[in-house]
Amino acid sequence: MKKYYIITLLLLLSNTFHGFSQDCEIHLMSVISDTDNRTPENAKQFMQNRLEAIINSDGISATSNYAQFFITSKSTVLSEQTLATAPPKTSLVLSLDLYIGDAWGEKVFAQTSIELRNVGNSREQAYLAAYRTLNKSNKALSEFIKTGKQKIINYYDTEYPNILKEADRYAQMKDFDRAIYLLSVVPACCKGYNASTEKMLEIFQTYIDLQNHKILQQAKMAWAASPDKHGAEKAGEYLGQIEPYAACFDEAMNLYQEIKEKVKSDWDFEMKQKYSDEIELKKLKIEAAKAIGVAFGNNQKAHTTNLLN
C-alpha cells in the first residue's frame, strides 16, 4: 500500500499526462525459448535483446516485463561447418522462427521464418554474428510484426466484454491489482477501450474507498488513544494519506477539524484539497490506476511457452 501512495504522490507532482492519448501501443512480453538446447545461452539472450530493440517501433513494444502477449524465437541449424582457416572459423546457416502469441490463451497469432547466416571465430560468435544481420528492413519481419499487432487488436475488439466480466470477478474477490491490470492494458485504439477505462475507474474507486476507510479508522484510533499533540501527530500521518476523491474524505476532514480545534496552532498539518477540475481529476485517477496495473505486471514472472514444441 505504501508503494501505491508513493506512486500517487509522484503523479500529483507531474504536469504531464499521457493517459488520454489515442495511440495504439501494444505491449509484448519477450521470452527466451526453452525448446532449443543447441543455441548457446549468451546467443539466446542476445536475440531476446535484439528482438526488443527491433520491435519497439510503430506502436508495438517488447520488454521482459510480464504481459499476456509474447514474442519469442527459435533457431534451427540448417548448416554448420568448420572452415579450414587459421585460426579455424565456424560458418552457420540458421532458420530463425519468430512467434507472436497469446500466452494465456495458448495461441500463436503470427509466425515467420527468416534465414540468417554468418561466420565467427567460435560457434557462439557465429550465432551472434548471424543474429546481428536481423534488422527492421527485413520484409518478412515487418509483415510479421504488422500481422501480430492486428491479431492482438482483433482479440481485444472481440474479447473486451469477457475482460470486463473477468475484472469484475477479480474485484469481487478483492484482487483489485489483478482486476485493474486486466483493464489497464486494453489499447486505446480498440473498441473496448472506453468501457474498459470506465470499469477500471469504477474498480479503482472501490479499492481507494476500502483502503482509505481503513486508514481513517487508524487515524481515529490514534487520536482516541492520545487526544493531544502526540496523538495529533500520529493521526496526521494517517490523514495525510487519504485521497481527496475517497468516499471517506469528508469524514476525514471532520476529524481534521476536530483535532485542529483541540491542538490549535501546535499542529502543523494540512489535509489534501479536493480537485475542482473534474477532467483533471479523472486524468489523475486513470494514471494512478494504471500505475497499479504496471506494478502488478512488474511483479509477475515472465515465462516461456510450450506452444513451440
C-alpha atoms as a PDB file:
ATOM      1  CA  MET A   1       0.000   0.000   0.000  1.00  0.00           C
ATOM      2  CA  LYS A   2       2.902   2.358   0.737  1.00  0.00           C
ATOM      3  CA  LYS A   3       4.141   1.810  -2.804  1.00  0.00           C
ATOM      4  CA  TYR A   4       0.760   2.966  -4.126  1.00  0.00           C
ATOM      5  CA  TYR A   5       0.827   6.240  -2.238  1.00  0.00           C
ATOM      6  CA  ILE A   6       4.375   6.972  -3.405  1.00  0.00           C
ATOM      7  CA  ILE A   7       3.167   6.461  -6.957  1.00  0.00           C
ATOM      8  CA  THR A   8       0.192   8.753  -6.346  1.00  0.00           C
ATOM      9  CA  LEU A   9       2.416  11.454  -4.915  1.00  0.00           C
ATOM     10  CA  LEU A  10       4.650  11.317  -7.964  1.00  0.00           C
ATOM     11  CA  LEU A  11       1.610  11.639 -10.186  1.00  0.00           C
ATOM     12  CA  LEU A  12       0.437  14.657  -8.251  1.00  0.00           C
ATOM     13  CA  LEU A  13       3.791  16.306  -8.832  1.00  0.00           C
ATOM     14  CA  SER A  14       3.757  15.550 -12.522  1.00  0.00           C
ATOM     15  CA  ASN A  15       2.379  18.023 -15.049  1.00  0.00           C
ATOM     16  CA  THR A  16       2.499  15.603 -17.952  1.00  0.00           C
ATOM     17  CA  PHE A  17      -0.430  13.375 -18.776  1.00  0.00           C
ATOM     18  CA  HIS A  18      -0.396  10.707 -21.424  1.00  0.00           C
ATOM     19  CA  GLY A  19      -3.404   8.583 -20.491  1.00  0.00           C
ATOM     20  CA  PHE A  20      -5.816  10.169 -22.941  1.00  0.00           C
ATOM     21  CA  SER A  21      -3.594   9.825 -25.984  1.00  0.00           C
ATOM     22  CA  GLN A  22      -5.317   7.865 -28.704  1.00  0.00           C
ATOM     23  CA  ASP A  23      -2.285   5.888 -29.821  1.00  0.00           C
ATOM     24  CA  CYS A  24      -2.332   2.127 -30.096  1.00  0.00           C
ATOM     25  CA  GLU A  25       0.619   0.890 -28.094  1.00  0.00           C
ATOM     26  CA  ILE A  26       0.726  -2.924 -27.956  1.00  0.00           C
ATOM     27  CA  HIS A  27       2.964  -4.422 -25.283  1.00  0.00           C
ATOM     28  CA  LEU A  28       4.606  -7.801 -25.767  1.00  0.00           C
ATOM     29  CA  MET A  29       6.458  -9.947 -23.263  1.00  0.00           C
ATOM     30  CA  SER A  30       9.708 -11.076 -24.862  1.00  0.00           C
ATOM     31  CA  VAL A  31      10.670 -14.543 -23.669  1.00  0.00           C
ATOM     32  CA  ILE A  32      13.596 -16.811 -24.370  1.00  0.00           C
ATOM     33  CA  SER A  33      12.508 -20.053 -25.974  1.00  0.00           C
ATOM     34  CA  ASP A  34      13.486 -23.122 -23.963  1.00  0.00           C
ATOM     35  CA  THR A  35      12.865 -25.587 -26.780  1.00  0.00           C
ATOM     36  CA  ASP A  36      16.322 -25.317 -28.405  1.00  0.00           C
ATOM     37  CA  ASN A  37      19.215 -26.824 -26.478  1.00  0.00           C
ATOM     38  CA  ARG A  38      21.793 -26.263 -29.209  1.00  0.00           C
ATOM     39  CA  THR A  39      21.791 -22.468 -29.160  1.00  0.00           C
ATOM     40  CA  PRO A  40      24.383 -21.003 -26.743  1.00  0.00           C
ATOM     41  CA  GLU A  41      22.744 -19.259 -23.757  1.00  0.00           C
ATOM     42  CA  ASN A  42      24.503 -15.965 -24.469  1.00  0.00           C
ATOM     43  CA  ALA A  43      23.184 -16.065 -28.027  1.00  0.00           C
ATOM     44  CA  LYS A  44      19.628 -16.654 -26.759  1.00  0.00           C
ATOM     45  CA  GLN A  45      19.857 -13.590 -24.515  1.00  0.00           C
ATOM     46  CA  PHE A  46      21.356 -11.552 -27.354  1.00  0.00           C
ATOM     47  CA  MET A  47      18.453 -12.485 -29.644  1.00  0.00           C
ATOM     48  CA  GLN A  48      15.924 -11.520 -26.985  1.00  0.00           C
ATOM     49  CA  ASN A  49      17.569  -8.101 -26.591  1.00  0.00           C
ATOM     50  CA  ARG A  50      17.774  -7.660 -30.360  1.00  0.00           C
ATOM     51  CA  LEU A  51      14.107  -8.530 -30.819  1.00  0.00           C
ATOM     52  CA  GLU A  52      13.149  -5.966 -28.170  1.00  0.00           C
ATOM     53  CA  ALA A  53      15.216  -3.283 -29.913  1.00  0.00           C
ATOM     54  CA  ILE A  54      13.728  -4.079 -33.344  1.00  0.00           C
ATOM     55  CA  ILE A  55      10.113  -4.464 -32.185  1.00  0.00           C
ATOM     56  CA  ASN A  56       9.996  -1.214 -30.199  1.00  0.00           C
ATOM     57  CA  SER A  57       8.561   0.907 -33.003  1.00  0.00           C
ATOM     58  CA  ASP A  58       5.367   1.515 -34.955  1.00  0.00           C
ATOM     59  CA  GLY A  59       3.006   1.240 -31.997  1.00  0.00           C
ATOM     60  CA  ILE A  60       4.321  -2.040 -30.632  1.00  0.00           C
ATOM     61  CA  SER A  61       6.881  -2.643 -27.912  1.00  0.00           C
ATOM     62  CA  ALA A  62       8.555  -5.656 -26.364  1.00  0.00           C
ATOM     63  CA  THR A  63      10.218  -5.991 -22.971  1.00  0.00           C
ATOM     64  CA  SER A  64      10.898  -8.741 -20.468  1.00  0.00           C
ATOM     65  CA  ASN A  65       8.033  -7.374 -18.335  1.00  0.00           C
ATOM     66  CA  TYR A  66       5.017  -9.579 -17.773  1.00  0.00           C
ATOM     67  CA  ALA A  67       2.227  -9.381 -20.367  1.00  0.00           C
ATOM     68  CA  GLN A  68      -0.483 -11.566 -21.846  1.00  0.00           C
ATOM     69  CA  PHE A  69       1.008 -11.435 -25.319  1.00  0.00           C
ATOM     70  CA  PHE A  70       4.500 -12.636 -26.086  1.00  0.00           C
ATOM     71  CA  ILE A  71       7.170 -12.631 -28.752  1.00  0.00           C
ATOM     72  CA  THR A  72       9.802 -15.321 -28.923  1.00  0.00           C
ATOM     73  CA  SER A  73      12.138 -17.024 -31.364  1.00  0.00           C
ATOM     74  CA  LYS A  74      13.587 -20.437 -32.060  1.00  0.00           C
ATOM     75  CA  SER A  75      16.677 -21.183 -34.115  1.00  0.00           C
ATOM     76  CA  THR A  76      17.217 -24.292 -36.214  1.00  0.00           C
ATOM     77  CA  VAL A  77      20.633 -25.067 -37.677  1.00  0.00           C
ATOM     78  CA  LEU A  78      20.401 -25.632 -41.429  1.00  0.00           C
ATOM     79  CA  SER A  79      24.131 -25.851 -41.962  1.00  0.00           C
ATOM     80  CA  GLU A  80      27.182 -25.760 -39.666  1.00  0.00           C
ATOM     81  CA  GLN A  81      30.740 -26.021 -40.953  1.00  0.00           C
ATOM     82  CA  THR A  82      34.217 -25.587 -39.522  1.00  0.00           C
ATOM     83  CA  LEU A  83      36.226 -23.614 -42.062  1.00  0.00           C
ATOM     84  CA  ALA A  84      39.848 -24.546 -42.722  1.00  0.00           C
ATOM     85  CA  THR A  85      41.189 -21.116 -41.816  1.00  0.00           C
ATOM     86  CA  ALA A  86      43.885 -20.019 -39.405  1.00  0.00           C
ATOM     87  CA  PRO A  87      42.500 -19.929 -36.833  1.00  0.00           C
ATOM     88  CA  PRO A  88      39.517 -22.169 -37.731  1.00  0.00           C
ATOM     89  CA  LYS A  89      36.144 -20.397 -38.028  1.00  0.00           C
ATOM     90  CA  THR A  90      32.568 -21.631 -37.751  1.00  0.00           C
ATOM     91  CA  SER A  91      30.080 -20.991 -40.540  1.00  0.00           C
ATOM     92  CA  LEU A  92      26.376 -21.139 -39.653  1.00  0.00           C
ATOM     93  CA  VAL A  93      23.159 -21.035 -41.643  1.00  0.00           C
ATOM     94  CA  LEU A  94      20.124 -20.707 -39.350  1.00  0.00           C
ATOM     95  CA  SER A  95      16.387 -20.766 -39.774  1.00  0.00           C
ATOM     96  CA  LEU A  96      15.061 -18.253 -37.255  1.00  0.00           C
ATOM     97  CA  ASP A  97      11.398 -18.892 -36.411  1.00  0.00           C
ATOM     98  CA  LEU A  98       9.603 -15.915 -34.826  1.00  0.00           C
ATOM     99  CA  TYR A  99       6.288 -16.113 -32.966  1.00  0.00           C
ATOM    100  CA  ILE A 100       3.784 -13.625 -31.556  1.00  0.00           C
ATOM    101  CA  GLY A 101       1.040 -15.170 -29.483  1.00  0.00           C
ATOM    102  CA  ASP A 102      -1.289 -15.215 -26.511  1.00  0.00           C
ATOM    103  CA  ALA A 103       0.400 -16.848 -23.514  1.00  0.00           C
ATOM    104  CA  TRP A 104      -2.854 -17.066 -21.528  1.00  0.00           C
ATOM    105  CA  GLY A 105      -4.944 -18.486 -24.348  1.00  0.00           C
ATOM    106  CA  GLU A 106      -2.026 -20.595 -25.656  1.00  0.00           C
ATOM    107  CA  LYS A 107      -2.434 -19.394 -29.236  1.00  0.00           C
ATOM    108  CA  VAL A 108       0.087 -18.322 -31.850  1.00  0.00           C
ATOM    109  CA  PHE A 109      -1.104 -15.203 -33.686  1.00  0.00           C
ATOM    110  CA  ALA A 110       1.741 -14.698 -36.151  1.00  0.00           C
ATOM    111  CA  GLN A 111       4.723 -16.730 -37.289  1.00  0.00           C
ATOM    112  CA  THR A 112       7.532 -16.292 -39.786  1.00  0.00           C
ATOM    113  CA  SER A 113      10.856 -17.915 -40.652  1.00  0.00           C
ATOM    114  CA  ILE A 114      13.912 -15.924 -41.660  1.00  0.00           C
ATOM    115  CA  GLU A 115      17.195 -17.402 -42.868  1.00  0.00           C
ATOM    116  CA  LEU A 116      20.289 -15.956 -41.204  1.00  0.00           C
ATOM    117  CA  ARG A 117      23.933 -16.767 -41.894  1.00  0.00           C
ATOM    118  CA  ASN A 118      27.387 -15.639 -40.852  1.00  0.00           C
ATOM    119  CA  VAL A 119      30.842 -16.712 -39.730  1.00  0.00           C
ATOM    120  CA  GLY A 120      32.520 -16.444 -36.325  1.00  0.00           C
ATOM    121  CA  ASN A 121      35.716 -17.385 -34.513  1.00  0.00           C
ATOM    122  CA  SER A 122      33.633 -19.820 -32.426  1.00  0.00           C
ATOM    123  CA  ARG A 123      30.220 -21.405 -32.551  1.00  0.00           C
ATOM    124  CA  GLU A 124      28.824 -18.789 -30.169  1.00  0.00           C
ATOM    125  CA  GLN A 125      30.387 -15.954 -32.149  1.00  0.00           C
ATOM    126  CA  ALA A 126      28.889 -17.346 -35.341  1.00  0.00           C
ATOM    127  CA  TYR A 127      25.429 -17.291 -33.727  1.00  0.00           C
ATOM    128  CA  LEU A 128      25.907 -13.707 -32.558  1.00  0.00           C
ATOM    129  CA  ALA A 129      27.140 -12.602 -35.978  1.00  0.00           C
ATOM    130  CA  ALA A 130      24.155 -14.250 -37.674  1.00  0.00           C
ATOM    131  CA  TYR A 131      21.676 -12.674 -35.263  1.00  0.00           C
ATOM    132  CA  ARG A 132      23.163  -9.225 -35.883  1.00  0.00           C
ATOM    133  CA  THR A 133      22.020  -9.437 -39.504  1.00  0.00           C
ATOM    134  CA  LEU A 134      18.362  -9.334 -38.371  1.00  0.00           C
ATOM    135  CA  ASN A 135      17.044  -5.786 -38.841  1.00  0.00           C
ATOM    136  CA  LYS A 136      13.880  -3.754 -39.344  1.00  0.00           C
ATOM    137  CA  SER A 137      14.287  -3.540 -43.096  1.00  0.00           C
ATOM    138  CA  ASN A 138      13.554  -7.260 -43.471  1.00  0.00           C
ATOM    139  CA  LYS A 139      10.208  -7.509 -45.276  1.00  0.00           C
ATOM    140  CA  ALA A 140       9.192 -10.788 -43.622  1.00  0.00           C
ATOM    141  CA  LEU A 141       9.903  -9.332 -40.192  1.00  0.00           C
ATOM    142  CA  SER A 142       7.915  -6.178 -40.955  1.00  0.00           C
ATOM    143  CA  GLU A 143       4.895  -8.181 -42.147  1.00  0.00           C
ATOM    144  CA  PHE A 144       5.196 -10.477 -39.128  1.00  0.00           C
ATOM    145  CA  ILE A 145       5.005  -7.528 -36.713  1.00  0.00           C
ATOM    146  CA  LYS A 146       2.097  -5.963 -38.598  1.00  0.00           C
ATOM    147  CA  THR A 147       0.118  -9.222 -38.577  1.00  0.00           C
ATOM    148  CA  GLY A 148       0.777  -9.852 -34.902  1.00  0.00           C
ATOM    149  CA  LYS A 149      -0.313  -6.354 -33.925  1.00  0.00           C
ATOM    150  CA  GLN A 150      -3.565  -6.609 -35.887  1.00  0.00           C
ATOM    151  CA  LYS A 151      -4.368 -10.025 -34.378  1.00  0.00           C
ATOM    152  CA  ILE A 152      -3.937  -8.585 -30.872  1.00  0.00           C
ATOM    153  CA  ILE A 153      -6.195  -5.623 -31.714  1.00  0.00           C
ATOM    154  CA  ASN A 154      -8.779  -8.061 -33.089  1.00  0.00           C
ATOM    155  CA  TYR A 155      -8.524 -10.043 -29.856  1.00  0.00           C
ATOM    156  CA  TYR A 156      -9.354  -7.000 -27.719  1.00  0.00           C
ATOM    157  CA  ASP A 157     -12.130  -5.889 -30.089  1.00  0.00           C
ATOM    158  CA  THR A 158     -13.773  -9.309 -29.674  1.00  0.00           C
ATOM    159  CA  GLU A 159     -12.909 -10.245 -26.110  1.00  0.00           C
ATOM    160  CA  TYR A 160     -13.327  -6.982 -24.189  1.00  0.00           C
ATOM    161  CA  PRO A 161     -16.809  -7.939 -22.833  1.00  0.00           C
ATOM    162  CA  ASN A 162     -15.227 -11.037 -21.277  1.00  0.00           C
ATOM    163  CA  ILE A 163     -12.332  -8.937 -19.952  1.00  0.00           C
ATOM    164  CA  LEU A 164     -14.845  -6.685 -18.168  1.00  0.00           C
ATOM    165  CA  LYS A 165     -16.520  -9.741 -16.600  1.00  0.00           C
ATOM    166  CA  GLU A 166     -13.185 -11.224 -15.558  1.00  0.00           C
ATOM    167  CA  ALA A 167     -12.114  -7.934 -13.971  1.00  0.00           C
ATOM    168  CA  ASP A 168     -15.393  -7.800 -12.057  1.00  0.00           C
ATOM    169  CA  ARG A 169     -14.796 -11.340 -10.816  1.00  0.00           C
ATOM    170  CA  TYR A 170     -11.338 -10.472  -9.510  1.00  0.00           C
ATOM    171  CA  ALA A 171     -12.640  -7.289  -7.908  1.00  0.00           C
ATOM    172  CA  GLN A 172     -15.320  -9.261  -6.062  1.00  0.00           C
ATOM    173  CA  MET A 173     -12.534 -11.475  -4.709  1.00  0.00           C
ATOM    174  CA  LYS A 174     -10.722  -8.290  -3.554  1.00  0.00           C
ATOM    175  CA  ASP A 175      -7.913  -8.990  -6.049  1.00  0.00           C
ATOM    176  CA  PHE A 176      -8.003  -5.362  -7.161  1.00  0.00           C
ATOM    177  CA  ASP A 177      -4.468  -5.184  -8.559  1.00  0.00           C
ATOM    178  CA  ARG A 178      -5.125  -8.027 -10.994  1.00  0.00           C
ATOM    179  CA  ALA A 179      -8.517  -6.623 -11.994  1.00  0.00           C
ATOM    180  CA  ILE A 180      -7.033  -3.205 -12.692  1.00  0.00           C
ATOM    181  CA  TYR A 181      -4.158  -4.756 -14.626  1.00  0.00           C
ATOM    182  CA  LEU A 182      -6.526  -6.602 -16.989  1.00  0.00           C
ATOM    183  CA  LEU A 183      -8.331  -3.368 -17.818  1.00  0.00           C
ATOM    184  CA  SER A 184      -5.284  -1.100 -17.930  1.00  0.00           C
ATOM    185  CA  VAL A 185      -3.605  -2.936 -20.820  1.00  0.00           C
ATOM    186  CA  VAL A 186      -6.505  -2.616 -23.280  1.00  0.00           C
ATOM    187  CA  PRO A 187      -5.059  -0.480 -26.130  1.00  0.00           C
ATOM    188  CA  ALA A 188      -6.603   2.929 -26.802  1.00  0.00           C
ATOM    189  CA  CYS A 189      -7.475   2.087 -30.414  1.00  0.00           C
ATOM    190  CA  CYS A 190      -9.632  -0.938 -29.527  1.00  0.00           C
ATOM    191  CA  LYS A 191     -13.417  -0.964 -29.330  1.00  0.00           C
ATOM    192  CA  GLY A 192     -13.452  -1.783 -25.646  1.00  0.00           C
ATOM    193  CA  TYR A 193     -11.039   0.933 -24.520  1.00  0.00           C
ATOM    194  CA  ASN A 194     -13.637   3.383 -23.206  1.00  0.00           C
ATOM    195  CA  ALA A 195     -15.672   0.676 -21.477  1.00  0.00           C
ATOM    196  CA  SER A 196     -12.508  -0.824 -20.002  1.00  0.00           C
ATOM    197  CA  THR A 197     -11.334   2.567 -18.756  1.00  0.00           C
ATOM    198  CA  GLU A 198     -14.661   3.285 -17.065  1.00  0.00           C
ATOM    199  CA  LYS A 199     -14.670  -0.172 -15.460  1.00  0.00           C
ATOM    200  CA  MET A 200     -11.075   0.374 -14.339  1.00  0.00           C
ATOM    201  CA  LEU A 201     -12.056   3.683 -12.694  1.00  0.00           C
ATOM    202  CA  GLU A 202     -15.016   2.009 -11.002  1.00  0.00           C
ATOM    203  CA  ILE A 203     -12.840  -0.760  -9.530  1.00  0.00           C
ATOM    204  CA  PHE A 204     -10.087   1.705  -8.658  1.00  0.00           C
ATOM    205  CA  GLN A 205     -12.608   3.829  -6.747  1.00  0.00           C
ATOM    206  CA  THR A 206     -13.795   0.788  -4.793  1.00  0.00           C
ATOM    207  CA  TYR A 207     -10.184  -0.054  -3.988  1.00  0.00           C
ATOM    208  CA  ILE A 208      -9.398   3.504  -2.870  1.00  0.00           C
ATOM    209  CA  ASP A 209     -12.538   3.719  -0.738  1.00  0.00           C
ATOM    210  CA  LEU A 210     -11.715   0.486   1.083  1.00  0.00           C
ATOM    211  CA  GLN A 211      -8.068   1.366   1.642  1.00  0.00           C
ATOM    212  CA  ASN A 212      -8.781   4.926   2.753  1.00  0.00           C
ATOM    213  CA  HIS A 213     -11.530   3.814   5.109  1.00  0.00           C
ATOM    214  CA  LYS A 214      -9.002   1.562   6.863  1.00  0.00           C
ATOM    215  CA  ILE A 215      -6.551   4.445   7.093  1.00  0.00           C
ATOM    216  CA  LEU A 216      -9.210   6.736   8.544  1.00  0.00           C
ATOM    217  CA  GLN A 217     -10.010   4.162  11.226  1.00  0.00           C
ATOM    218  CA  GLN A 218      -6.323   4.073  12.126  1.00  0.00           C
ATOM    219  CA  ALA A 219      -6.307   7.866  12.394  1.00  0.00           C
ATOM    220  CA  LYS A 220      -9.375   7.779  14.650  1.00  0.00           C
ATOM    221  CA  MET A 221      -7.816   5.143  16.909  1.00  0.00           C
ATOM    222  CA  ALA A 222      -4.575   7.118  17.162  1.00  0.00           C
ATOM    223  CA  TRP A 223      -6.480  10.261  18.178  1.00  0.00           C
ATOM    224  CA  ALA A 224      -8.798   8.434  20.592  1.00  0.00           C
ATOM    225  CA  ALA A 225      -5.843   6.757  22.296  1.00  0.00           C
ATOM    226  CA  SER A 226      -3.981  10.046  22.761  1.00  0.00           C
ATOM    227  CA  PRO A 227      -6.116  13.205  22.243  1.00  0.00           C
ATOM    228  CA  ASP A 228      -3.143  15.535  22.496  1.00  0.00           C
ATOM    229  CA  LYS A 229      -0.271  16.821  20.363  1.00  0.00           C
ATOM    230  CA  HIS A 230       1.354  13.382  20.238  1.00  0.00           C
ATOM    231  CA  GLY A 231      -1.904  11.736  19.101  1.00  0.00           C
ATOM    232  CA  ALA A 232      -2.493  14.538  16.620  1.00  0.00           C
ATOM    233  CA  GLU A 233       0.882  13.908  15.002  1.00  0.00           C
ATOM    234  CA  LYS A 234       0.162  10.192  14.733  1.00  0.00           C
ATOM    235  CA  ALA A 235      -3.334  10.797  13.356  1.00  0.00           C
ATOM    236  CA  GLY A 236      -1.908  13.303  10.915  1.00  0.00           C
ATOM    237  CA  GLU A 237       0.403  10.669   9.451  1.00  0.00           C
ATOM    238  CA  TYR A 238      -2.687   8.651   8.529  1.00  0.00           C
ATOM    239  CA  LEU A 239      -4.862  11.582   7.441  1.00  0.00           C
ATOM    240  CA  GLY A 240      -2.147  12.727   5.061  1.00  0.00           C
ATOM    241  CA  GLN A 241      -2.552   9.501   3.116  1.00  0.00           C
ATOM    242  CA  ILE A 242      -6.274   9.915   2.464  1.00  0.00           C
ATOM    243  CA  GLU A 243      -7.091  10.836  -1.112  1.00  0.00           C
ATOM    244  CA  PRO A 244      -9.437  13.775  -1.787  1.00  0.00           C
ATOM    245  CA  TYR A 245     -11.549  11.560  -4.060  1.00  0.00           C
ATOM    246  CA  ALA A 246     -12.039   8.837  -1.427  1.00  0.00           C
ATOM    247  CA  ALA A 247     -15.609   8.363  -0.153  1.00  0.00           C
ATOM    248  CA  CYS A 248     -14.464   8.972   3.426  1.00  0.00           C
ATOM    249  CA  PHE A 249     -12.686  12.264   2.686  1.00  0.00           C
ATOM    250  CA  ASP A 250     -15.413  14.485   4.218  1.00  0.00           C
ATOM    251  CA  GLU A 251     -15.363  12.336   7.351  1.00  0.00           C
ATOM    252  CA  ALA A 252     -11.582  12.660   7.436  1.00  0.00           C
ATOM    253  CA  MET A 253     -11.936  16.438   7.142  1.00  0.00           C
ATOM    254  CA  ASN A 254     -14.272  16.441  10.145  1.00  0.00           C
ATOM    255  CA  LEU A 255     -11.671  14.578  12.185  1.00  0.00           C
ATOM    256  CA  TYR A 256      -9.042  17.003  10.958  1.00  0.00           C
ATOM    257  CA  GLN A 257     -11.121  19.960  12.113  1.00  0.00           C
ATOM    258  CA  GLU A 258     -11.768  18.317  15.489  1.00  0.00           C
ATOM    259  CA  ILE A 259      -8.055  17.734  16.053  1.00  0.00           C
ATOM    260  CA  LYS A 260      -7.118  21.196  14.808  1.00  0.00           C
ATOM    261  CA  GLU A 261      -9.526  22.888  17.216  1.00  0.00           C
ATOM    262  CA  LYS A 262      -8.096  20.897  20.107  1.00  0.00           C
ATOM    263  CA  VAL A 263      -4.363  21.337  19.443  1.00  0.00           C
ATOM    264  CA  LYS A 264      -4.756  24.706  17.678  1.00  0.00           C
ATOM    265  CA  SER A 265      -1.534  26.164  16.233  1.00  0.00           C
ATOM    266  CA  ASP A 266       0.641  23.403  17.680  1.00  0.00           C
ATOM    267  CA  TRP A 267      -0.495  21.070  14.921  1.00  0.00           C
ATOM    268  CA  ASP A 268       1.475  21.804  11.773  1.00  0.00           C
ATOM    269  CA  PHE A 269      -0.512  19.789   9.254  1.00  0.00           C
ATOM    270  CA  GLU A 270      -2.801  20.387   6.295  1.00  0.00           C
ATOM    271  CA  MET A 271      -5.171  17.969   4.579  1.00  0.00           C
ATOM    272  CA  LYS A 272      -5.066  17.398   0.841  1.00  0.00           C
ATOM    273  CA  GLN A 273      -7.502  19.549  -1.083  1.00  0.00           C
ATOM    274  CA  LYS A 274     -10.327  18.375  -3.326  1.00  0.00           C
ATOM    275  CA  TYR A 275      -9.971  18.910  -7.052  1.00  0.00           C
ATOM    276  CA  SER A 276     -12.243  21.487  -8.673  1.00  0.00           C
ATOM    277  CA  ASP A 277     -11.413  20.353 -12.219  1.00  0.00           C
ATOM    278  CA  GLU A 278     -13.238  17.063 -12.840  1.00  0.00           C
ATOM    279  CA  ILE A 279     -11.396  16.396 -16.095  1.00  0.00           C
ATOM    280  CA  GLU A 280      -8.002  16.740 -14.434  1.00  0.00           C
ATOM    281  CA  LEU A 281      -9.202  14.574 -11.567  1.00  0.00           C
ATOM    282  CA  LYS A 282     -10.254  11.842 -13.980  1.00  0.00           C
ATOM    283  CA  LYS A 283      -6.880  12.007 -15.689  1.00  0.00           C
ATOM    284  CA  LEU A 284      -5.131  11.695 -12.355  1.00  0.00           C
ATOM    285  CA  LYS A 285      -7.227   8.702 -11.328  1.00  0.00           C
ATOM    286  CA  ILE A 286      -6.597   6.948 -14.652  1.00  0.00           C
ATOM    287  CA  GLU A 287      -2.854   7.451 -14.266  1.00  0.00           C
ATOM    288  CA  ALA A 288      -2.935   6.252 -10.649  1.00  0.00           C
ATOM    289  CA  ALA A 289      -4.963   3.180 -11.634  1.00  0.00           C
ATOM    290  CA  LYS A 290      -2.602   2.358 -14.497  1.00  0.00           C
ATOM    291  CA  ALA A 291       0.336   2.685 -12.114  1.00  0.00           C
ATOM    292  CA  ILE A 292      -1.240  -0.074 -10.026  1.00  0.00           C
ATOM    293  CA  GLY A 293      -1.577  -2.212 -13.169  1.00  0.00           C
ATOM    294  CA  VAL A 294       2.066  -1.622 -14.110  1.00  0.00           C
ATOM    295  CA  ALA A 295       3.217  -2.509 -10.600  1.00  0.00           C
ATOM    296  CA  PHE A 296       1.182  -5.727 -10.724  1.00  0.00           C
ATOM    297  CA  GLY A 297       2.642  -6.702 -14.100  1.00  0.00           C
ATOM    298  CA  ASN A 298       6.196  -5.972 -12.999  1.00  0.00           C
ATOM    299  CA  ASN A 299       5.744  -8.277 -10.010  1.00  0.00           C
ATOM    300  CA  GLN A 300       4.750 -11.229 -12.196  1.00  0.00           C
ATOM    301  CA  LYS A 301       7.282 -13.596 -13.700  1.00  0.00           C
ATOM    302  CA  ALA A 302       7.680 -13.820 -17.448  1.00  0.00           C
ATOM    303  CA  HIS A 303       7.575 -17.417 -18.596  1.00  0.00           C
ATOM    304  CA  THR A 304       8.388 -19.345 -21.723  1.00  0.00           C
ATOM    305  CA  THR A 305       5.628 -21.008 -23.648  1.00  0.00           C
ATOM    306  CA  ASN A 306       5.246 -24.651 -24.647  1.00  0.00           C
ATOM    307  CA  LEU A 307       3.480 -23.753 -27.884  1.00  0.00           C
ATOM    308  CA  LEU A 308       6.683 -24.206 -29.884  1.00  0.00           C
ATOM    309  CA  ASN A 309       7.221 -27.877 -29.068  1.00  0.00           C
END
